């Protein structure tokens, strides 16, 4: 995931509207939703954070595209070495852990 990207199935405005009936609390909702690359990496949803140039991906899309390509090729090389059953089990375990309540 690009370091400045966000991922969510619902916008912060939508979340705030549902939770508090007030879309103006979108910033508070965004903080609760934990949808940044750092948050998603910490929770194990994504495998890697891809650096962006200063100012964001749009400042040098060619560099960003090349960085994404390098990361994908590097991961594919590692994954190709795994036995199919091992790879399937690793992916299964990863997705089973997503959304797991850890207490707190």
PDB file of N, CA and C in Angstrom:
ATOM      1  N   UNK A   1       0.852  -1.168   0.000  1.00  0.00           N
ATOM      2  CA  UNK A   1       0.000   0.000   0.000  1.00  0.00           C
ATOM      3  C   UNK A   1       0.899   1.231   0.000  1.00  0.00           C
ATOM      4  N   UNK A   2       0.545   2.221  -0.786  1.00  0.00           N
ATOM      5  CA  UNK A   2       1.302   3.475  -0.787  1.00  0.00           C
ATOM      6  C   UNK A   2       1.195   4.138   0.581  1.00  0.00           C
ATOM      7  N   UNK A   3       2.281   4.751   1.037  1.00  0.00           N
ATOM      8  CA  UNK A   3       2.339   5.262   2.399  1.00  0.00           C
ATOM      9  C   UNK A   3       1.312   6.345   2.714  1.00  0.00           C
ATOM     10  N   UNK A   4       0.855   7.084   1.725  1.00  0.00           N
ATOM     11  CA  UNK A   4      -0.126   8.141   1.974  1.00  0.00           C
ATOM     12  C   UNK A   4      -1.546   7.750   1.577  1.00  0.00           C
ATOM     13  N   UNK A   5      -1.727   6.489   1.217  1.00  0.00           N
ATOM     14  CA  UNK A   5      -3.056   6.016   0.811  1.00  0.00           C
ATOM     15  C   UNK A   5      -3.889   5.674   2.040  1.00  0.00           C
ATOM     16  N   UNK A   6      -5.198   5.611   1.818  1.00  0.00           N
ATOM     17  CA  UNK A   6      -6.111   5.128   2.854  1.00  0.00           C
ATOM     18  C   UNK A   6      -6.976   4.036   2.245  1.00  0.00           C
ATOM     19  N   UNK A   7      -7.474   3.155   3.094  1.00  0.00           N
ATOM     20  CA  UNK A   7      -8.339   2.081   2.626  1.00  0.00           C
ATOM     21  C   UNK A   7      -9.482   1.902   3.605  1.00  0.00           C
ATOM     22  N   UNK A   8     -10.686   1.923   3.086  1.00  0.00           N
ATOM     23  CA  UNK A   8     -11.857   1.732   3.924  1.00  0.00           C
ATOM     24  C   UNK A   8     -13.040   1.363   3.049  1.00  0.00           C
ATOM     25  N   UNK A   9     -13.956   0.614   3.614  1.00  0.00           N
ATOM     26  CA  UNK A   9     -15.168   0.272   2.864  1.00  0.00           C
ATOM     27  C   UNK A   9     -16.230   1.360   2.992  1.00  0.00           C
ATOM     28  N   UNK A  10     -15.963   2.326   3.870  1.00  0.00           N
ATOM     29  CA  UNK A  10     -16.919   3.401   4.126  1.00  0.00           C
ATOM     30  C   UNK A  10     -16.143   4.691   4.344  1.00  0.00           C
ATOM     31  N   UNK A  11     -16.655   5.795   3.853  1.00  0.00           N
ATOM     32  CA  UNK A  11     -15.976   7.075   4.064  1.00  0.00           C
ATOM     33  C   UNK A  11     -16.117   7.498   5.529  1.00  0.00           C
ATOM     34  N   UNK A  12     -15.183   8.315   6.005  1.00  0.00           N
ATOM     35  CA  UNK A  12     -15.312   8.827   7.375  1.00  0.00           C
ATOM     36  C   UNK A  12     -16.628   9.602   7.582  1.00  0.00           C
ATOM     37  N   UNK A  13     -17.062  10.298   6.541  1.00  0.00           N
ATOM     38  CA  UNK A  13     -18.337  11.032   6.646  1.00  0.00           C
ATOM     39  C   UNK A  13     -19.503  10.065   6.839  1.00  0.00           C
ATOM     40  N   UNK A  14     -19.471   8.968   6.081  1.00  0.00           N
ATOM     41  CA  UNK A  14     -20.518   7.954   6.210  1.00  0.00           C
ATOM     42  C   UNK A  14     -20.498   7.292   7.573  1.00  0.00           C
ATOM     43  N   UNK A  15     -19.305   6.989   8.053  1.00  0.00           N
ATOM     44  CA  UNK A  15     -19.141   6.375   9.372  1.00  0.00           C
ATOM     45  C   UNK A  15     -19.685   7.299  10.456  1.00  0.00           C
ATOM     46  N   UNK A  16     -19.301   8.594  10.388  1.00  0.00           N
ATOM     47  CA  UNK A  16     -19.766   9.575  11.375  1.00  0.00           C
ATOM     48  C   UNK A  16     -21.279   9.732  11.307  1.00  0.00           C
ATOM     49  N   UNK A  17     -21.835   9.688  10.110  1.00  0.00           N
ATOM     50  CA  UNK A  17     -23.285   9.807   9.955  1.00  0.00           C
ATOM     51  C   UNK A  17     -24.017   8.643  10.604  1.00  0.00           C
ATOM     52  N   UNK A  18     -23.462   7.460  10.451  1.00  0.00           N
ATOM     53  CA  UNK A  18     -24.078   6.268  11.046  1.00  0.00           C
ATOM     54  C   UNK A  18     -23.903   6.267  12.559  1.00  0.00           C
ATOM     55  N   UNK A  19     -22.678   6.529  13.008  1.00  0.00           N
ATOM     56  CA  UNK A  19     -22.370   6.426  14.431  1.00  0.00           C
ATOM     57  C   UNK A  19     -22.959   7.567  15.253  1.00  0.00           C
ATOM     58  N   UNK A  20     -22.799   8.795  14.776  1.00  0.00           N
ATOM     59  CA  UNK A  20     -23.214   9.957  15.543  1.00  0.00           C
ATOM     60  C   UNK A  20     -24.319  10.782  14.879  1.00  0.00           C
ATOM     61  N   UNK A  21     -24.785  10.329  13.732  1.00  0.00           N
ATOM     62  CA  UNK A  21     -25.791  11.094  12.970  1.00  0.00           C
ATOM     63  C   UNK A  21     -25.297  12.500  12.669  1.00  0.00           C
ATOM     64  N   UNK A  22     -23.956  12.600  12.428  1.00  0.00           N
ATOM     65  CA  UNK A  22     -23.337  13.906  12.213  1.00  0.00           C
ATOM     66  C   UNK A  22     -22.086  13.758  11.342  1.00  0.00           C
ATOM     67  N   UNK A  23     -22.224  14.000  10.041  1.00  0.00           N
ATOM     68  CA  UNK A  23     -21.118  13.846   9.098  1.00  0.00           C
ATOM     69  C   UNK A  23     -19.982  14.829   9.361  1.00  0.00           C
ATOM     70  N   UNK A  24     -20.245  15.898  10.096  1.00  0.00           N
ATOM     71  CA  UNK A  24     -19.194  16.875  10.376  1.00  0.00           C
ATOM     72  C   UNK A  24     -18.125  16.310  11.319  1.00  0.00           C
ATOM     73  N   UNK A  25     -18.377  15.153  11.914  1.00  0.00           N
ATOM     74  CA  UNK A  25     -17.395  14.513  12.798  1.00  0.00           C
ATOM     75  C   UNK A  25     -16.510  13.532  12.028  1.00  0.00           C
ATOM     76  N   UNK A  26     -16.355  13.797  10.727  1.00  0.00           N
ATOM     77  CA  UNK A  26     -15.582  12.900   9.854  1.00  0.00           C
ATOM     78  C   UNK A  26     -14.136  12.747  10.307  1.00  0.00           C
ATOM     79  N   UNK A  27     -13.520  13.813  10.765  1.00  0.00           N
ATOM     80  CA  UNK A  27     -12.113  13.728  11.196  1.00  0.00           C
ATOM     81  C   UNK A  27     -11.981  12.789  12.396  1.00  0.00           C
ATOM     82  N   UNK A  28     -12.865  12.909  13.342  1.00  0.00           N
ATOM     83  CA  UNK A  28     -12.872  12.021  14.508  1.00  0.00           C
ATOM     84  C   UNK A  28     -13.116  10.575  14.063  1.00  0.00           C
ATOM     85  N   UNK A  29     -14.035  10.399  13.132  1.00  0.00           N
ATOM     86  CA  UNK A  29     -14.338   9.067  12.608  1.00  0.00           C
ATOM     87  C   UNK A  29     -13.123   8.468  11.915  1.00  0.00           C
ATOM     88  N   UNK A  30     -12.421   9.262  11.131  1.00  0.00           N
ATOM     89  CA  UNK A  30     -11.234   8.774  10.410  1.00  0.00           C
ATOM     90  C   UNK A  30     -10.180   8.251  11.383  1.00  0.00           C
ATOM     91  N   UNK A  31     -10.009   8.949  12.504  1.00  0.00           N
ATOM     92  CA  UNK A  31      -9.041   8.504  13.509  1.00  0.00           C
ATOM     93  C   UNK A  31      -9.445   7.168  14.122  1.00  0.00           C
ATOM     94  N   UNK A  32     -10.710   6.986  14.350  1.00  0.00           N
ATOM     95  CA  UNK A  32     -11.220   5.741  14.932  1.00  0.00           C
ATOM     96  C   UNK A  32     -11.137   4.590  13.933  1.00  0.00           C
ATOM     97  N   UNK A  33     -11.354   4.885  12.671  1.00  0.00           N
ATOM     98  CA  UNK A  33     -11.419   3.851  11.632  1.00  0.00           C
ATOM     99  C   UNK A  33     -10.081   3.177  11.352  1.00  0.00           C
ATOM    100  N   UNK A  34      -8.980   3.840  11.670  1.00  0.00           N
ATOM    101  CA  UNK A  34      -7.647   3.254  11.463  1.00  0.00           C
ATOM    102  C   UNK A  34      -7.460   2.768  10.030  1.00  0.00           C
ATOM    103  N   UNK A  35      -7.488   3.688   9.095  1.00  0.00           N
ATOM    104  CA  UNK A  35      -7.448   3.312   7.682  1.00  0.00           C
ATOM    105  C   UNK A  35      -6.198   3.757   6.945  1.00  0.00           C
ATOM    106  N   UNK A  36      -5.180   4.204   7.682  1.00  0.00           N
ATOM    107  CA  UNK A  36      -3.932   4.608   7.032  1.00  0.00           C
ATOM    108  C   UNK A  36      -3.046   3.385   6.771  1.00  0.00           C
ATOM    109  N   UNK A  37      -2.048   3.566   5.944  1.00  0.00           N
ATOM    110  CA  UNK A  37      -1.117   2.476   5.641  1.00  0.00           C
ATOM    111  C   UNK A  37      -0.433   1.984   6.917  1.00  0.00           C
ATOM    112  N   UNK A  38      -0.030   2.892   7.788  1.00  0.00           N
ATOM    113  CA  UNK A  38       0.629   2.493   9.038  1.00  0.00           C
ATOM    114  C   UNK A  38      -0.305   1.652   9.909  1.00  0.00           C
ATOM    115  N   UNK A  39      -1.554   2.079  10.020  1.00  0.00           N
ATOM    116  CA  UNK A  39      -2.527   1.323  10.812  1.00  0.00           C
ATOM    117  C   UNK A  39      -2.743  -0.070  10.226  1.00  0.00           C
ATOM    118  N   UNK A  40      -2.960  -0.127   8.923  1.00  0.00           N
ATOM    119  CA  UNK A  40      -3.252  -1.404   8.272  1.00  0.00           C
ATOM    120  C   UNK A  40      -2.059  -2.350   8.316  1.00  0.00           C
ATOM    121  N   UNK A  41      -0.857  -1.807   8.262  1.00  0.00           N
ATOM    122  CA  UNK A  41       0.338  -2.634   8.382  1.00  0.00           C
ATOM    123  C   UNK A  41       0.425  -3.208   9.799  1.00  0.00           C
ATOM    124  N   UNK A  42       0.194  -2.346  10.771  1.00  0.00           N
ATOM    125  CA  UNK A  42       0.241  -2.761  12.170  1.00  0.00           C
ATOM    126  C   UNK A  42      -0.766  -3.884  12.453  1.00  0.00           C
ATOM    127  N   UNK A  43      -1.929  -3.814  11.827  1.00  0.00           N
ATOM    128  CA  UNK A  43      -2.966  -4.822  12.033  1.00  0.00           C
ATOM    129  C   UNK A  43      -2.797  -6.049  11.144  1.00  0.00           C
ATOM    130  N   UNK A  44      -1.787  -6.036  10.263  1.00  0.00           N
ATOM    131  CA  UNK A  44      -1.530  -7.191   9.409  1.00  0.00           C
ATOM    132  C   UNK A  44      -2.421  -7.292   8.186  1.00  0.00           C
ATOM    133  N   UNK A  45      -3.132  -6.219   7.870  1.00  0.00           N
ATOM    134  CA  UNK A  45      -4.014  -6.231   6.698  1.00  0.00           C
ATOM    135  C   UNK A  45      -3.201  -6.114   5.418  1.00  0.00           C
ATOM    136  N   UNK A  46      -2.154  -5.302   5.462  1.00  0.00           N
ATOM    137  CA  UNK A  46      -1.271  -5.159   4.302  1.00  0.00           C
ATOM    138  C   UNK A  46       0.100  -5.734   4.645  1.00  0.00           C
ATOM    139  N   UNK A  47       0.858  -6.087   3.630  1.00  0.00           N
ATOM    140  CA  UNK A  47       2.158  -6.711   3.832  1.00  0.00           C
ATOM    141  C   UNK A  47       3.316  -5.733   3.777  1.00  0.00           C
ATOM    142  N   UNK A  48       3.126  -4.609   3.118  1.00  0.00           N
ATOM    143  CA  UNK A  48       4.241  -3.692   2.918  1.00  0.00           C
ATOM    144  C   UNK A  48       3.697  -2.282   2.668  1.00  0.00           C
ATOM    145  N   UNK A  49       4.486  -1.288   3.096  1.00  0.00           N
ATOM    146  CA  UNK A  49       4.182   0.112   2.802  1.00  0.00           C
ATOM    147  C   UNK A  49       5.208   0.582   1.779  1.00  0.00           C
ATOM    148  N   UNK A  50       4.727   1.088   0.656  1.00  0.00           N
ATOM    149  CA  UNK A  50       5.595   1.568  -0.418  1.00  0.00           C
ATOM    150  C   UNK A  50       5.780   3.075  -0.261  1.00  0.00           C
ATOM    151  N   UNK A  51       7.040   3.485  -0.162  1.00  0.00           N
ATOM    152  CA  UNK A  51       7.368   4.896   0.009  1.00  0.00           C
ATOM    153  C   UNK A  51       6.901   5.712  -1.199  1.00  0.00           C
ATOM    154  N   UNK A  52       6.549   6.959  -0.910  1.00  0.00           N
ATOM    155  CA  UNK A  52       6.167   7.920  -1.944  1.00  0.00           C
ATOM    156  C   UNK A  52       7.149   9.088  -1.916  1.00  0.00           C
ATOM    157  N   UNK A  53       7.279   9.789  -3.039  1.00  0.00           N
ATOM    158  CA  UNK A  53       8.142  10.980  -3.030  1.00  0.00           C
ATOM    159  C   UNK A  53       7.528  12.079  -2.157  1.00  0.00           C
ATOM    160  N   UNK A  54       8.356  12.998  -1.721  1.00  0.00           N
ATOM    161  CA  UNK A  54       7.874  14.138  -0.944  1.00  0.00           C
ATOM    162  C   UNK A  54       6.741  14.821  -1.706  1.00  0.00           C
ATOM    163  N   UNK A  55       5.628  15.040  -1.040  1.00  0.00           N
ATOM    164  CA  UNK A  55       4.489  15.692  -1.686  1.00  0.00           C
ATOM    165  C   UNK A  55       3.469  14.716  -2.238  1.00  0.00           C
ATOM    166  N   UNK A  56       3.766  13.415  -2.205  1.00  0.00           N
ATOM    167  CA  UNK A  56       2.791  12.414  -2.637  1.00  0.00           C
ATOM    168  C   UNK A  56       3.109  11.781  -3.975  1.00  0.00           C
ATOM    169  N   UNK A  57       2.399  10.718  -4.266  1.00  0.00           N
ATOM    170  CA  UNK A  57       2.627   9.912  -5.474  1.00  0.00           C
ATOM    171  C   UNK A  57       2.491  10.727  -6.757  1.00  0.00           C
ATOM    172  N   UNK A  58       1.587  11.684  -6.757  1.00  0.00           N
ATOM    173  CA  UNK A  58       1.351  12.459  -7.983  1.00  0.00           C
ATOM    174  C   UNK A  58       2.538  13.339  -8.375  1.00  0.00           C
ATOM    175  N   UNK A  59       3.482  13.530  -7.464  1.00  0.00           N
ATOM    176  CA  UNK A  59       4.664  14.350  -7.771  1.00  0.00           C
ATOM    177  C   UNK A  59       5.628  13.641  -8.716  1.00  0.00           C
ATOM    178  N   UNK A  60       5.631  12.312  -8.691  1.00  0.00           N
ATOM    179  CA  UNK A  60       6.499  11.547  -9.590  1.00  0.00           C
ATOM    180  C   UNK A  60       5.890  10.162  -9.804  1.00  0.00           C
ATOM    181  N   UNK A  61       4.868  10.111 -10.621  1.00  0.00           N
ATOM    182  CA  UNK A  61       4.125   8.875 -10.829  1.00  0.00           C
ATOM    183  C   UNK A  61       4.997   7.781 -11.443  1.00  0.00           C
ATOM    184  N   UNK A  62       5.986   8.168 -12.246  1.00  0.00           N
ATOM    185  CA  UNK A  62       6.881   7.161 -12.830  1.00  0.00           C
ATOM    186  C   UNK A  62       7.714   6.473 -11.749  1.00  0.00           C
ATOM    187  N   UNK A  63       8.236   7.243 -10.823  1.00  0.00           N
ATOM    188  CA  UNK A  63       9.001   6.680  -9.715  1.00  0.00           C
ATOM    189  C   UNK A  63       8.120   5.767  -8.854  1.00  0.00           C
ATOM    190  N   UNK A  64       6.930   6.232  -8.553  1.00  0.00           N
ATOM    191  CA  UNK A  64       6.005   5.452  -7.731  1.00  0.00           C
ATOM    192  C   UNK A  64       5.639   4.148  -8.436  1.00  0.00           C
ATOM    193  N   UNK A  65       5.363   4.232  -9.724  1.00  0.00           N
ATOM    194  CA  UNK A  65       5.034   3.032 -10.495  1.00  0.00           C
ATOM    195  C   UNK A  65       6.193   2.044 -10.486  1.00  0.00           C
ATOM    196  N   UNK A  66       7.396   2.542 -10.609  1.00  0.00           N
ATOM    197  CA  UNK A  66       8.578   1.683 -10.589  1.00  0.00           C
ATOM    198  C   UNK A  66       8.766   1.054  -9.210  1.00  0.00           C
ATOM    199  N   UNK A  67       8.517   1.830  -8.150  1.00  0.00           N
ATOM    200  CA  UNK A  67       8.622   1.293  -6.785  1.00  0.00           C
ATOM    201  C   UNK A  67       7.591   0.188  -6.546  1.00  0.00           C
ATOM    202  N   UNK A  68       6.388   0.392  -7.010  1.00  0.00           N
ATOM    203  CA  UNK A  68       5.335  -0.623  -6.868  1.00  0.00           C
ATOM    204  C   UNK A  68       5.735  -1.886  -7.628  1.00  0.00           C
ATOM    205  N   UNK A  69       6.210  -1.703  -8.851  1.00  0.00           N
ATOM    206  CA  UNK A  69       6.632  -2.843  -9.672  1.00  0.00           C
ATOM    207  C   UNK A  69       7.740  -3.637  -8.981  1.00  0.00           C
ATOM    208  N   UNK A  70       8.742  -2.935  -8.445  1.00  0.00           N
ATOM    209  CA  UNK A  70       9.851  -3.606  -7.745  1.00  0.00           C
ATOM    210  C   UNK A  70       9.348  -4.434  -6.568  1.00  0.00           C
ATOM    211  N   UNK A  71       8.444  -3.850  -5.782  1.00  0.00           N
ATOM    212  CA  UNK A  71       7.923  -4.540  -4.599  1.00  0.00           C
ATOM    213  C   UNK A  71       7.112  -5.776  -4.993  1.00  0.00           C
ATOM    214  N   UNK A  72       6.306  -5.647  -6.022  1.00  0.00           N
ATOM    215  CA  UNK A  72       5.493  -6.790  -6.478  1.00  0.00           C
ATOM    216  C   UNK A  72       6.397  -7.901  -6.993  1.00  0.00           C
ATOM    217  N   UNK A  73       7.382  -7.553  -7.796  1.00  0.00           N
ATOM    218  CA  UNK A  73       8.296  -8.568  -8.332  1.00  0.00           C
ATOM    219  C   UNK A  73       9.100  -9.245  -7.223  1.00  0.00           C
ATOM    220  N   UNK A  74       9.524  -8.461  -6.230  1.00  0.00           N
ATOM    221  CA  UNK A  74      10.275  -9.017  -5.107  1.00  0.00           C
ATOM    222  C   UNK A  74       9.410 -10.015  -4.323  1.00  0.00           C
ATOM    223  N   UNK A  75       8.173  -9.652  -4.071  1.00  0.00           N
ATOM    224  CA  UNK A  75       7.260 -10.537  -3.341  1.00  0.00           C
ATOM    225  C   UNK A  75       6.934 -11.787  -4.152  1.00  0.00           C
ATOM    226  N   UNK A  76       6.703 -11.615  -5.446  1.00  0.00           N
ATOM    227  CA  UNK A  76       6.403 -12.772  -6.305  1.00  0.00           C
ATOM    228  C   UNK A  76       7.564 -13.761  -6.305  1.00  0.00           C
ATOM    229  N   UNK A  77       8.770 -13.247  -6.330  1.00  0.00           N
ATOM    230  CA  UNK A  77       9.957 -14.104  -6.311  1.00  0.00           C
ATOM    231  C   UNK A  77      10.000 -14.935  -5.023  1.00  0.00           C
ATOM    232  N   UNK A  78       9.704 -14.287  -3.880  1.00  0.00           N
ATOM    233  CA  UNK A  78       9.680 -15.002  -2.600  1.00  0.00           C
ATOM    234  C   UNK A  78       8.548 -16.028  -2.549  1.00  0.00           C
ATOM    235  N   UNK A  79       7.379 -15.618  -3.020  1.00  0.00           N
ATOM    236  CA  UNK A  79       6.214 -16.494  -2.945  1.00  0.00           C
ATOM    237  C   UNK A  79       6.320 -17.700  -3.885  1.00  0.00           C
ATOM    238  N   UNK A  80       6.988 -17.518  -5.022  1.00  0.00           N
ATOM    239  CA  UNK A  80       7.169 -18.624  -5.967  1.00  0.00           C
ATOM    240  C   UNK A  80       7.995 -19.759  -5.374  1.00  0.00           C
ATOM    241  N   UNK A  81       8.825 -19.445  -4.394  1.00  0.00           N
ATOM    242  CA  UNK A  81       9.669 -20.456  -3.763  1.00  0.00           C
ATOM    243  C   UNK A  81       8.884 -21.347  -2.797  1.00  0.00           C
ATOM    244  N   UNK A  82       7.714 -20.884  -2.402  1.00  0.00           N
ATOM    245  CA  UNK A  82       6.917 -21.640  -1.442  1.00  0.00           C
ATOM    246  C   UNK A  82       6.116 -22.741  -2.133  1.00  0.00           C
ATOM    247  N   UNK A  83       5.959 -23.830  -1.420  1.00  0.00           N
ATOM    248  CA  UNK A  83       5.092 -24.905  -1.881  1.00  0.00           C
ATOM    249  C   UNK A  83       3.661 -24.375  -1.911  1.00  0.00           C
ATOM    250  N   UNK A  84       2.867 -24.850  -2.837  1.00  0.00           N
ATOM    251  CA  UNK A  84       1.493 -24.356  -2.988  1.00  0.00           C
ATOM    252  C   UNK A  84       0.695 -24.503  -1.690  1.00  0.00           C
ATOM    253  N   UNK A  85       0.827 -25.625  -1.022  1.00  0.00           N
ATOM    254  CA  UNK A  85       0.096 -25.856   0.229  1.00  0.00           C
ATOM    255  C   UNK A  85       0.534 -24.864   1.303  1.00  0.00           C
ATOM    256  N   UNK A  86       1.832 -24.615   1.412  1.00  0.00           N
ATOM    257  CA  UNK A  86       2.363 -23.662   2.393  1.00  0.00           C
ATOM    258  C   UNK A  86       1.837 -22.257   2.111  1.00  0.00           C
ATOM    259  N   UNK A  87       1.871 -21.867   0.852  1.00  0.00           N
ATOM    260  CA  UNK A  87       1.382 -20.548   0.450  1.00  0.00           C
ATOM    261  C   UNK A  87      -0.100 -20.407   0.785  1.00  0.00           C
ATOM    262  N   UNK A  88      -0.879 -21.419   0.453  1.00  0.00           N
ATOM    263  CA  UNK A  88      -2.316 -21.398   0.733  1.00  0.00           C
ATOM    264  C   UNK A  88      -2.564 -21.283   2.234  1.00  0.00           C
ATOM    265  N   UNK A  89      -1.820 -22.040   3.027  1.00  0.00           N
ATOM    266  CA  UNK A  89      -1.982 -21.995   4.479  1.00  0.00           C
ATOM    267  C   UNK A  89      -1.601 -20.635   5.059  1.00  0.00           C
ATOM    268  N   UNK A  90      -0.530 -20.047   4.556  1.00  0.00           N
ATOM    269  CA  UNK A  90      -0.127 -18.718   5.025  1.00  0.00           C
ATOM    270  C   UNK A  90      -1.202 -17.676   4.737  1.00  0.00           C
ATOM    271  N   UNK A  91      -1.753 -17.723   3.532  1.00  0.00           N
ATOM    272  CA  UNK A  91      -2.802 -16.758   3.168  1.00  0.00           C
ATOM    273  C   UNK A  91      -4.053 -16.988   4.015  1.00  0.00           C
ATOM    274  N   UNK A  92      -4.398 -18.252   4.223  1.00  0.00           N
ATOM    275  CA  UNK A  92      -5.558 -18.591   5.041  1.00  0.00           C
ATOM    276  C   UNK A  92      -5.377 -18.026   6.455  1.00  0.00           C
ATOM    277  N   UNK A  93      -4.215 -18.264   7.048  1.00  0.00           N
ATOM    278  CA  UNK A  93      -3.933 -17.775   8.400  1.00  0.00           C
ATOM    279  C   UNK A  93      -3.998 -16.256   8.465  1.00  0.00           C
ATOM    280  N   UNK A  94      -3.449 -15.598   7.460  1.00  0.00           N
ATOM    281  CA  UNK A  94      -3.461 -14.133   7.429  1.00  0.00           C
ATOM    282  C   UNK A  94      -4.898 -13.602   7.441  1.00  0.00           C
ATOM    283  N   UNK A  95      -5.736 -14.151   6.579  1.00  0.00           N
ATOM    284  CA  UNK A  95      -7.099 -13.648   6.485  1.00  0.00           C
ATOM    285  C   UNK A  95      -7.946 -14.040   7.691  1.00  0.00           C
ATOM    286  N   UNK A  96      -7.643 -15.153   8.326  1.00  0.00           N
ATOM    287  CA  UNK A  96      -8.367 -15.562   9.536  1.00  0.00           C
ATOM    288  C   UNK A  96      -8.070 -14.608  10.697  1.00  0.00           C
ATOM    289  N   UNK A  97      -6.870 -14.019  10.721  1.00  0.00           N
ATOM    290  CA  UNK A  97      -6.481 -13.112  11.796  1.00  0.00           C
ATOM    291  C   UNK A  97      -7.096 -11.721  11.641  1.00  0.00           C
ATOM    292  N   UNK A  98      -7.462 -11.359  10.425  1.00  0.00           N
ATOM    293  CA  UNK A  98      -8.017 -10.029  10.193  1.00  0.00           C
ATOM    294  C   UNK A  98      -9.328  -9.874  10.945  1.00  0.00           C
ATOM    295  N   UNK A  99      -9.428  -8.784  11.668  1.00  0.00           N
ATOM    296  CA  UNK A  99     -10.643  -8.502  12.415  1.00  0.00           C
ATOM    297  C   UNK A  99     -10.702  -9.208  13.757  1.00  0.00           C
ATOM    298  N   UNK A 100      -9.646  -9.929  14.100  1.00  0.00           N
ATOM    299  CA  UNK A 100      -9.602 -10.646  15.368  1.00  0.00           C
ATOM    300  C   UNK A 100      -9.479  -9.642  16.510  1.00  0.00           C
ATOM    301  N   UNK A 101     -10.303  -9.807  17.508  1.00  0.00           N
ATOM    302  CA  UNK A 101     -10.259  -8.906  18.657  1.00  0.00           C
ATOM    303  C   UNK A 101      -9.103  -9.299  19.555  1.00  0.00           C
ATOM    304  N   UNK A 102      -8.219  -8.361  19.856  1.00  0.00           N
ATOM    305  CA  UNK A 102      -7.032  -8.649  20.651  1.00  0.00           C
ATOM    306  C   UNK A 102      -7.166  -8.172  22.091  1.00  0.00           C
ATOM    307  N   UNK A 103      -8.312  -7.652  22.451  1.00  0.00           N
ATOM    308  CA  UNK A 103      -8.511  -7.167  23.809  1.00  0.00           C
ATOM    309  C   UNK A 103      -8.036  -5.727  23.971  1.00  0.00           C
ATOM    310  N   UNK A 104      -8.271  -5.175  25.079  1.00  0.00           N
ATOM    311  CA  UNK A 104      -7.772  -3.822  25.284  1.00  0.00           C
ATOM    312  C   UNK A 104      -8.756  -2.917  25.777  1.00  0.00           C
TER     313      UNK A 104
END
